[in-house]
Amino acid sequence: MVDFLSPSDRSERMSRIRGKDTQPELALRKALHRMGFRYRLHEKKLPGKPDIVLPRYKVVVFVHGCFWHRHPGCKIATVPKSNTPFWLERFQHNVARDIRAVDELRALGWRVFVVWECELSSTAKTIATSERIAVLIRDSAESAT
């Protein structure tokens, strides 16, 4: 299938895709904040610059977009039909980087949670996901004491 956009239009459109402060990330942050959790954002000193860092609990949360980070079995994680080799290499690089960041954080003693974009696609899903994370965070805090 031929791309219906010119290369400059495609570049313009792709440049508008945000890397942080995305809608799913904002929804999860608001839900966690309402539950009383205080956190830091995009901590540059940690591997992978996690989206949400809860230093008190030694927990980090990555909010991954299903398309960019290749959520297994998700209908959002499609492969573009044009320039497929480029996209496959790009996705493979993203997944390898994600695995490396999680491994490095765990080696430093952090608990790592990955939340997928599709798990935050509605208010009900966001609430359920944030409650699940809250239970896991509190459980990890209790087991550490």
N, C-alpha and C. Protein backbone atom coordinates (compact mmCIF):
# COMPACT_ATOMS: atom_id res chain seq x y z
N MET A 1 0.85 -1.18 0.00
CA MET A 1 0.00 0.00 0.00
C MET A 1 0.89 1.24 0.00
N VAL A 2 0.54 2.17 -0.82
CA VAL A 2 1.30 3.40 -0.95
C VAL A 2 0.82 4.40 0.09
N ASP A 3 1.76 5.10 0.68
CA ASP A 3 1.42 6.11 1.68
C ASP A 3 0.69 7.25 1.00
N PHE A 4 -0.43 7.67 1.56
CA PHE A 4 -1.22 8.74 0.95
C PHE A 4 -0.69 10.12 1.31
N LEU A 5 0.31 10.20 2.18
CA LEU A 5 0.91 11.48 2.54
C LEU A 5 2.29 11.61 1.88
N SER A 6 2.67 12.84 1.60
CA SER A 6 4.01 13.07 1.08
C SER A 6 5.01 12.87 2.22
N PRO A 7 6.27 12.64 1.92
CA PRO A 7 7.26 12.45 2.99
C PRO A 7 7.31 13.60 3.99
N SER A 8 7.17 14.84 3.51
CA SER A 8 7.21 15.97 4.45
C SER A 8 5.95 16.01 5.32
N ASP A 9 4.78 15.67 4.73
CA ASP A 9 3.55 15.61 5.54
C ASP A 9 3.61 14.49 6.56
N ARG A 10 4.17 13.34 6.16
CA ARG A 10 4.30 12.21 7.08
C ARG A 10 5.24 12.60 8.22
N SER A 11 6.35 13.25 7.89
CA SER A 11 7.30 13.70 8.90
C SER A 11 6.64 14.66 9.87
N GLU A 12 5.86 15.58 9.34
CA GLU A 12 5.14 16.55 10.18
C GLU A 12 4.20 15.84 11.14
N ARG A 13 3.45 14.88 10.62
CA ARG A 13 2.49 14.15 11.44
C ARG A 13 3.20 13.32 12.52
N MET A 14 4.28 12.66 12.16
CA MET A 14 5.02 11.83 13.12
C MET A 14 5.68 12.70 14.20
N SER A 15 6.09 13.91 13.85
CA SER A 15 6.75 14.78 14.82
C SER A 15 5.80 15.24 15.92
N ARG A 16 4.51 15.13 15.68
CA ARG A 16 3.52 15.56 16.68
C ARG A 16 3.21 14.49 17.72
N ILE A 17 3.75 13.30 17.54
CA ILE A 17 3.52 12.23 18.51
C ILE A 17 4.40 12.49 19.71
N ARG A 18 3.77 12.58 20.87
CA ARG A 18 4.48 12.96 22.09
C ARG A 18 5.16 11.75 22.73
N GLY A 19 6.27 12.03 23.41
CA GLY A 19 6.99 10.99 24.13
C GLY A 19 6.66 10.99 25.61
N LYS A 20 6.15 12.10 26.11
CA LYS A 20 5.76 12.16 27.52
C LYS A 20 4.54 13.06 27.65
N ASP A 21 3.91 12.98 28.81
CA ASP A 21 2.66 13.70 29.07
C ASP A 21 1.57 13.33 28.06
N THR A 22 1.52 12.05 27.70
CA THR A 22 0.47 11.57 26.80
C THR A 22 -0.84 11.43 27.57
N GLN A 23 -1.94 11.28 26.87
CA GLN A 23 -3.24 11.15 27.53
C GLN A 23 -3.29 9.95 28.48
N PRO A 24 -2.81 8.76 28.07
CA PRO A 24 -2.84 7.64 29.02
C PRO A 24 -1.99 7.91 30.27
N GLU A 25 -0.83 8.52 30.06
CA GLU A 25 0.05 8.82 31.19
C GLU A 25 -0.60 9.83 32.14
N LEU A 26 -1.20 10.88 31.58
CA LEU A 26 -1.87 11.87 32.43
C LEU A 26 -3.03 11.26 33.21
N ALA A 27 -3.78 10.38 32.57
CA ALA A 27 -4.91 9.73 33.24
C ALA A 27 -4.43 8.90 34.42
N LEU A 28 -3.37 8.13 34.23
CA LEU A 28 -2.85 7.31 35.32
C LEU A 28 -2.27 8.18 36.43
N ARG A 29 -1.55 9.22 36.07
CA ARG A 29 -0.98 10.12 37.08
C ARG A 29 -2.07 10.75 37.93
N LYS A 30 -3.14 11.22 37.29
CA LYS A 30 -4.25 11.83 38.04
C LYS A 30 -4.89 10.82 38.98
N ALA A 31 -5.09 9.60 38.50
CA ALA A 31 -5.71 8.57 39.34
C ALA A 31 -4.83 8.23 40.54
N LEU A 32 -3.52 8.07 40.32
CA LEU A 32 -2.61 7.77 41.42
C LEU A 32 -2.55 8.93 42.41
N HIS A 33 -2.56 10.15 41.90
CA HIS A 33 -2.52 11.33 42.77
C HIS A 33 -3.77 11.40 43.64
N ARG A 34 -4.93 11.10 43.06
CA ARG A 34 -6.18 11.09 43.82
C ARG A 34 -6.15 10.05 44.93
N MET A 35 -5.38 8.98 44.72
CA MET A 35 -5.27 7.93 45.74
C MET A 35 -4.25 8.28 46.82
N GLY A 36 -3.61 9.42 46.69
CA GLY A 36 -2.68 9.87 47.71
C GLY A 36 -1.22 9.61 47.42
N PHE A 37 -0.92 9.06 46.27
CA PHE A 37 0.48 8.80 45.92
C PHE A 37 1.12 10.07 45.38
N ARG A 38 2.35 10.31 45.81
CA ARG A 38 3.12 11.44 45.30
C ARG A 38 4.32 10.85 44.56
N TYR A 39 4.65 11.45 43.45
CA TYR A 39 5.63 10.85 42.57
C TYR A 39 6.44 11.91 41.87
N ARG A 40 7.49 11.45 41.22
CA ARG A 40 8.30 12.30 40.35
C ARG A 40 8.08 11.83 38.93
N LEU A 41 8.41 12.70 38.00
CA LEU A 41 8.18 12.39 36.59
C LEU A 41 9.49 12.31 35.82
N HIS A 42 9.61 11.31 34.98
CA HIS A 42 10.69 11.20 34.00
C HIS A 42 12.06 11.44 34.62
N GLU A 43 12.36 10.71 35.67
CA GLU A 43 13.62 10.86 36.40
C GLU A 43 14.79 10.50 35.49
N LYS A 44 15.57 11.52 35.13
CA LYS A 44 16.66 11.33 34.18
C LYS A 44 17.80 10.48 34.73
N LYS A 45 17.92 10.41 36.05
CA LYS A 45 19.02 9.66 36.65
C LYS A 45 18.77 8.15 36.65
N LEU A 46 17.55 7.74 36.35
CA LEU A 46 17.21 6.32 36.33
C LEU A 46 17.22 5.79 34.90
N PRO A 47 17.61 4.53 34.73
CA PRO A 47 17.62 3.94 33.38
C PRO A 47 16.23 3.98 32.75
N GLY A 48 16.15 4.40 31.51
CA GLY A 48 14.90 4.43 30.78
C GLY A 48 14.01 5.62 31.08
N LYS A 49 14.43 6.51 31.98
CA LYS A 49 13.63 7.68 32.38
C LYS A 49 12.16 7.30 32.59
N PRO A 50 11.86 6.55 33.64
CA PRO A 50 10.49 6.07 33.86
C PRO A 50 9.49 7.23 33.89
N ASP A 51 8.27 6.95 33.44
CA ASP A 51 7.22 7.97 33.37
C ASP A 51 6.81 8.43 34.76
N ILE A 52 6.68 7.49 35.69
CA ILE A 52 6.27 7.80 37.05
C ILE A 52 7.23 7.12 38.00
N VAL A 53 7.78 7.88 38.95
CA VAL A 53 8.72 7.35 39.94
C VAL A 53 8.17 7.63 41.33
N LEU A 54 8.00 6.57 42.11
CA LEU A 54 7.54 6.70 43.49
C LEU A 54 8.71 6.33 44.39
N PRO A 55 9.59 7.30 44.71
CA PRO A 55 10.81 6.99 45.46
C PRO A 55 10.53 6.40 46.84
N ARG A 56 9.47 6.83 47.48
CA ARG A 56 9.12 6.34 48.81
C ARG A 56 8.93 4.83 48.83
N TYR A 57 8.39 4.30 47.74
CA TYR A 57 8.11 2.87 47.64
C TYR A 57 9.13 2.13 46.79
N LYS A 58 10.08 2.88 46.23
CA LYS A 58 11.08 2.33 45.31
C LYS A 58 10.40 1.59 44.15
N VAL A 59 9.42 2.29 43.56
CA VAL A 59 8.61 1.77 42.46
C VAL A 59 8.67 2.74 41.28
N VAL A 60 8.77 2.19 40.07
CA VAL A 60 8.67 2.99 38.86
C VAL A 60 7.58 2.41 37.98
N VAL A 61 6.94 3.29 37.21
CA VAL A 61 5.89 2.87 36.29
C VAL A 61 6.20 3.42 34.90
N PHE A 62 6.18 2.54 33.93
CA PHE A 62 6.30 2.94 32.54
C PHE A 62 4.91 2.87 31.93
N VAL A 63 4.49 3.91 31.23
CA VAL A 63 3.24 3.89 30.49
C VAL A 63 3.62 3.77 29.01
N HIS A 64 3.45 2.56 28.48
CA HIS A 64 3.88 2.28 27.11
C HIS A 64 2.73 2.40 26.13
N GLY A 65 3.02 3.03 25.00
CA GLY A 65 2.07 3.04 23.89
C GLY A 65 2.13 1.68 23.20
N CYS A 66 0.98 1.10 22.94
CA CYS A 66 0.91 -0.25 22.36
C CYS A 66 1.61 -0.32 21.00
N PHE A 67 1.46 0.71 20.19
CA PHE A 67 2.06 0.71 18.85
C PHE A 67 3.58 0.77 18.93
N TRP A 68 4.11 1.72 19.68
CA TRP A 68 5.55 1.96 19.70
C TRP A 68 6.32 0.90 20.47
N HIS A 69 5.71 0.34 21.50
CA HIS A 69 6.42 -0.61 22.36
C HIS A 69 5.98 -2.04 22.14
N ARG A 70 5.12 -2.28 21.13
CA ARG A 70 4.74 -3.61 20.65
C ARG A 70 4.04 -4.46 21.70
N HIS A 71 2.90 -4.01 22.16
CA HIS A 71 2.10 -4.77 23.13
C HIS A 71 1.66 -6.08 22.48
N PRO A 72 2.11 -7.21 23.02
CA PRO A 72 1.77 -8.51 22.40
C PRO A 72 0.26 -8.75 22.40
N GLY A 73 -0.26 -9.13 21.25
CA GLY A 73 -1.66 -9.48 21.12
C GLY A 73 -2.62 -8.31 21.07
N CYS A 74 -2.12 -7.09 21.02
CA CYS A 74 -2.97 -5.90 21.02
C CYS A 74 -3.25 -5.48 19.58
N LYS A 75 -4.49 -5.11 19.31
CA LYS A 75 -4.85 -4.71 17.94
C LYS A 75 -4.24 -3.36 17.55
N ILE A 76 -3.78 -2.59 18.52
CA ILE A 76 -3.15 -1.29 18.22
C ILE A 76 -1.72 -1.49 17.70
N ALA A 77 -1.10 -2.60 18.05
CA ALA A 77 0.30 -2.85 17.69
C ALA A 77 0.41 -3.42 16.27
N THR A 78 0.02 -2.62 15.30
CA THR A 78 0.09 -3.04 13.91
C THR A 78 1.44 -2.66 13.31
N VAL A 79 1.72 -3.21 12.16
CA VAL A 79 2.95 -2.86 11.44
C VAL A 79 2.53 -2.10 10.18
N PRO A 80 3.07 -0.90 9.98
CA PRO A 80 2.73 -0.15 8.78
C PRO A 80 3.08 -0.93 7.51
N LYS A 81 2.27 -0.76 6.49
CA LYS A 81 2.47 -1.50 5.24
C LYS A 81 3.52 -0.87 4.34
N SER A 82 3.81 0.39 4.55
CA SER A 82 4.87 1.02 3.76
C SER A 82 6.13 1.10 4.61
N ASN A 83 7.26 0.89 3.97
CA ASN A 83 8.57 0.96 4.62
C ASN A 83 8.66 -0.03 5.80
N THR A 84 8.12 -1.21 5.60
CA THR A 84 8.03 -2.22 6.66
C THR A 84 9.38 -2.58 7.29
N PRO A 85 10.44 -2.80 6.52
CA PRO A 85 11.72 -3.14 7.16
C PRO A 85 12.19 -2.08 8.16
N PHE A 86 12.01 -0.81 7.80
CA PHE A 86 12.38 0.28 8.72
C PHE A 86 11.61 0.16 10.02
N TRP A 87 10.28 -0.05 9.92
CA TRP A 87 9.44 -0.11 11.12
C TRP A 87 9.78 -1.31 11.99
N LEU A 88 10.03 -2.46 11.36
CA LEU A 88 10.36 -3.65 12.14
C LEU A 88 11.65 -3.45 12.93
N GLU A 89 12.64 -2.83 12.28
CA GLU A 89 13.90 -2.54 12.96
C GLU A 89 13.69 -1.55 14.10
N ARG A 90 12.89 -0.54 13.84
CA ARG A 90 12.59 0.49 14.85
C ARG A 90 11.89 -0.13 16.06
N PHE A 91 10.88 -0.96 15.80
CA PHE A 91 10.16 -1.60 16.90
C PHE A 91 11.07 -2.54 17.69
N GLN A 92 11.91 -3.28 16.99
CA GLN A 92 12.84 -4.19 17.65
C GLN A 92 13.79 -3.42 18.57
N HIS A 93 14.26 -2.29 18.11
CA HIS A 93 15.14 -1.43 18.92
C HIS A 93 14.40 -0.92 20.16
N ASN A 94 13.15 -0.48 20.00
CA ASN A 94 12.36 0.01 21.13
C ASN A 94 12.16 -1.08 22.18
N VAL A 95 11.80 -2.28 21.74
CA VAL A 95 11.56 -3.37 22.68
C VAL A 95 12.85 -3.74 23.41
N ALA A 96 13.96 -3.80 22.70
CA ALA A 96 15.25 -4.12 23.33
C ALA A 96 15.62 -3.06 24.37
N ARG A 97 15.39 -1.80 24.04
CA ARG A 97 15.67 -0.71 24.98
C ARG A 97 14.80 -0.82 26.22
N ASP A 98 13.52 -1.16 26.04
CA ASP A 98 12.61 -1.33 27.17
C ASP A 98 13.08 -2.45 28.09
N ILE A 99 13.45 -3.58 27.51
CA ILE A 99 13.92 -4.73 28.31
C ILE A 99 15.18 -4.36 29.08
N ARG A 100 16.09 -3.68 28.42
CA ARG A 100 17.35 -3.26 29.05
C ARG A 100 17.08 -2.32 30.23
N ALA A 101 16.18 -1.37 30.06
CA ALA A 101 15.86 -0.42 31.13
C ALA A 101 15.23 -1.13 32.33
N VAL A 102 14.30 -2.04 32.07
CA VAL A 102 13.65 -2.79 33.17
C VAL A 102 14.68 -3.62 33.91
N ASP A 103 15.56 -4.31 33.19
CA ASP A 103 16.60 -5.13 33.83
C ASP A 103 17.53 -4.28 34.70
N GLU A 104 17.92 -3.12 34.19
CA GLU A 104 18.82 -2.24 34.94
C GLU A 104 18.13 -1.70 36.20
N LEU A 105 16.87 -1.34 36.08
CA LEU A 105 16.14 -0.83 37.25
C LEU A 105 15.98 -1.91 38.31
N ARG A 106 15.65 -3.12 37.89
CA ARG A 106 15.51 -4.22 38.86
C ARG A 106 16.85 -4.53 39.53
N ALA A 107 17.92 -4.43 38.78
CA ALA A 107 19.25 -4.66 39.36
C ALA A 107 19.58 -3.60 40.41
N LEU A 108 19.00 -2.41 40.28
CA LEU A 108 19.19 -1.33 41.25
C LEU A 108 18.22 -1.43 42.43
N GLY A 109 17.35 -2.44 42.40
CA GLY A 109 16.44 -2.64 43.52
C GLY A 109 15.06 -2.00 43.37
N TRP A 110 14.72 -1.53 42.18
CA TRP A 110 13.42 -0.90 41.94
C TRP A 110 12.40 -1.96 41.52
N ARG A 111 11.15 -1.78 41.94
CA ARG A 111 10.04 -2.59 41.42
C ARG A 111 9.52 -1.85 40.20
N VAL A 112 9.34 -2.58 39.12
CA VAL A 112 8.98 -1.97 37.84
C VAL A 112 7.60 -2.47 37.41
N PHE A 113 6.74 -1.53 37.05
CA PHE A 113 5.43 -1.85 36.50
C PHE A 113 5.32 -1.24 35.11
N VAL A 114 4.80 -2.02 34.18
CA VAL A 114 4.55 -1.53 32.83
C VAL A 114 3.05 -1.52 32.63
N VAL A 115 2.53 -0.36 32.26
CA VAL A 115 1.11 -0.20 31.98
C VAL A 115 0.98 0.14 30.50
N TRP A 116 0.08 -0.56 29.83
CA TRP A 116 -0.10 -0.37 28.39
C TRP A 116 -1.21 0.63 28.12
N GLU A 117 -1.04 1.35 27.04
CA GLU A 117 -2.00 2.36 26.59
C GLU A 117 -3.43 1.81 26.56
N CYS A 118 -3.62 0.59 26.08
CA CYS A 118 -4.97 0.03 25.96
C CYS A 118 -5.59 -0.25 27.33
N GLU A 119 -4.76 -0.37 28.38
CA GLU A 119 -5.28 -0.57 29.73
C GLU A 119 -5.81 0.74 30.32
N LEU A 120 -5.57 1.84 29.64
CA LEU A 120 -5.99 3.16 30.12
C LEU A 120 -6.90 3.84 29.09
N SER A 121 -7.54 3.05 28.23
CA SER A 121 -8.31 3.62 27.13
C SER A 121 -9.67 4.18 27.54
N SER A 122 -10.14 3.85 28.72
CA SER A 122 -11.40 4.42 29.20
C SER A 122 -11.25 4.75 30.69
N THR A 123 -12.18 5.52 31.20
CA THR A 123 -12.12 5.91 32.62
C THR A 123 -12.20 4.68 33.51
N ALA A 124 -13.08 3.75 33.18
CA ALA A 124 -13.24 2.54 33.99
C ALA A 124 -11.95 1.72 33.99
N LYS A 125 -11.32 1.58 32.83
CA LYS A 125 -10.07 0.83 32.75
C LYS A 125 -8.96 1.54 33.53
N THR A 126 -8.92 2.86 33.44
CA THR A 126 -7.90 3.63 34.16
C THR A 126 -8.05 3.44 35.66
N ILE A 127 -9.27 3.51 36.15
CA ILE A 127 -9.52 3.33 37.59
C ILE A 127 -9.11 1.93 38.02
N ALA A 128 -9.51 0.92 37.25
CA ALA A 128 -9.16 -0.47 37.59
C ALA A 128 -7.65 -0.67 37.59
N THR A 129 -6.98 -0.14 36.58
CA THR A 129 -5.52 -0.28 36.49
C THR A 129 -4.82 0.46 37.62
N SER A 130 -5.26 1.67 37.92
CA SER A 130 -4.62 2.44 39.00
C SER A 130 -4.85 1.77 40.35
N GLU A 131 -6.03 1.19 40.56
CA GLU A 131 -6.29 0.48 41.81
C GLU A 131 -5.41 -0.77 41.92
N ARG A 132 -5.24 -1.47 40.81
CA ARG A 132 -4.37 -2.66 40.81
C ARG A 132 -2.94 -2.25 41.14
N ILE A 133 -2.46 -1.16 40.55
CA ILE A 133 -1.10 -0.69 40.83
C ILE A 133 -0.98 -0.25 42.29
N ALA A 134 -1.99 0.44 42.80
CA ALA A 134 -1.97 0.90 44.19
C ALA A 134 -1.84 -0.28 45.15
N VAL A 135 -2.57 -1.35 44.89
CA VAL A 135 -2.48 -2.55 45.74
C VAL A 135 -1.07 -3.12 45.68
N LEU A 136 -0.50 -3.22 44.48
CA LEU A 136 0.85 -3.76 44.33
C LEU A 136 1.89 -2.88 45.02
N ILE A 137 1.72 -1.57 44.92
CA ILE A 137 2.66 -0.64 45.57
C ILE A 137 2.57 -0.80 47.08
N ARG A 138 1.36 -0.82 47.60
CA ARG A 138 1.19 -0.94 49.05
C ARG A 138 1.69 -2.29 49.55
N ASP A 139 1.45 -3.35 48.79
CA ASP A 139 1.95 -4.67 49.16
C ASP A 139 3.47 -4.69 49.21
N SER A 140 4.10 -4.02 48.23
CA SER A 140 5.56 -3.99 48.21
C SER A 140 6.10 -3.18 49.38
N ALA A 141 5.37 -2.14 49.78
CA ALA A 141 5.81 -1.33 50.92
C ALA A 141 5.68 -2.12 52.22
N GLU A 142 4.61 -2.89 52.36
CA GLU A 142 4.42 -3.70 53.56
C GLU A 142 5.44 -4.82 53.66
N SER A 143 5.78 -5.43 52.52
CA SER A 143 6.75 -6.52 52.56
C SER A 143 8.16 -6.02 52.83
N ALA A 144 8.41 -4.75 52.52
CA ALA A 144 9.74 -4.18 52.75
C ALA A 144 9.96 -3.81 54.21
N THR A 145 8.88 -3.64 54.97
CA THR A 145 9.04 -3.26 56.38
C THR A 145 9.11 -4.44 57.29
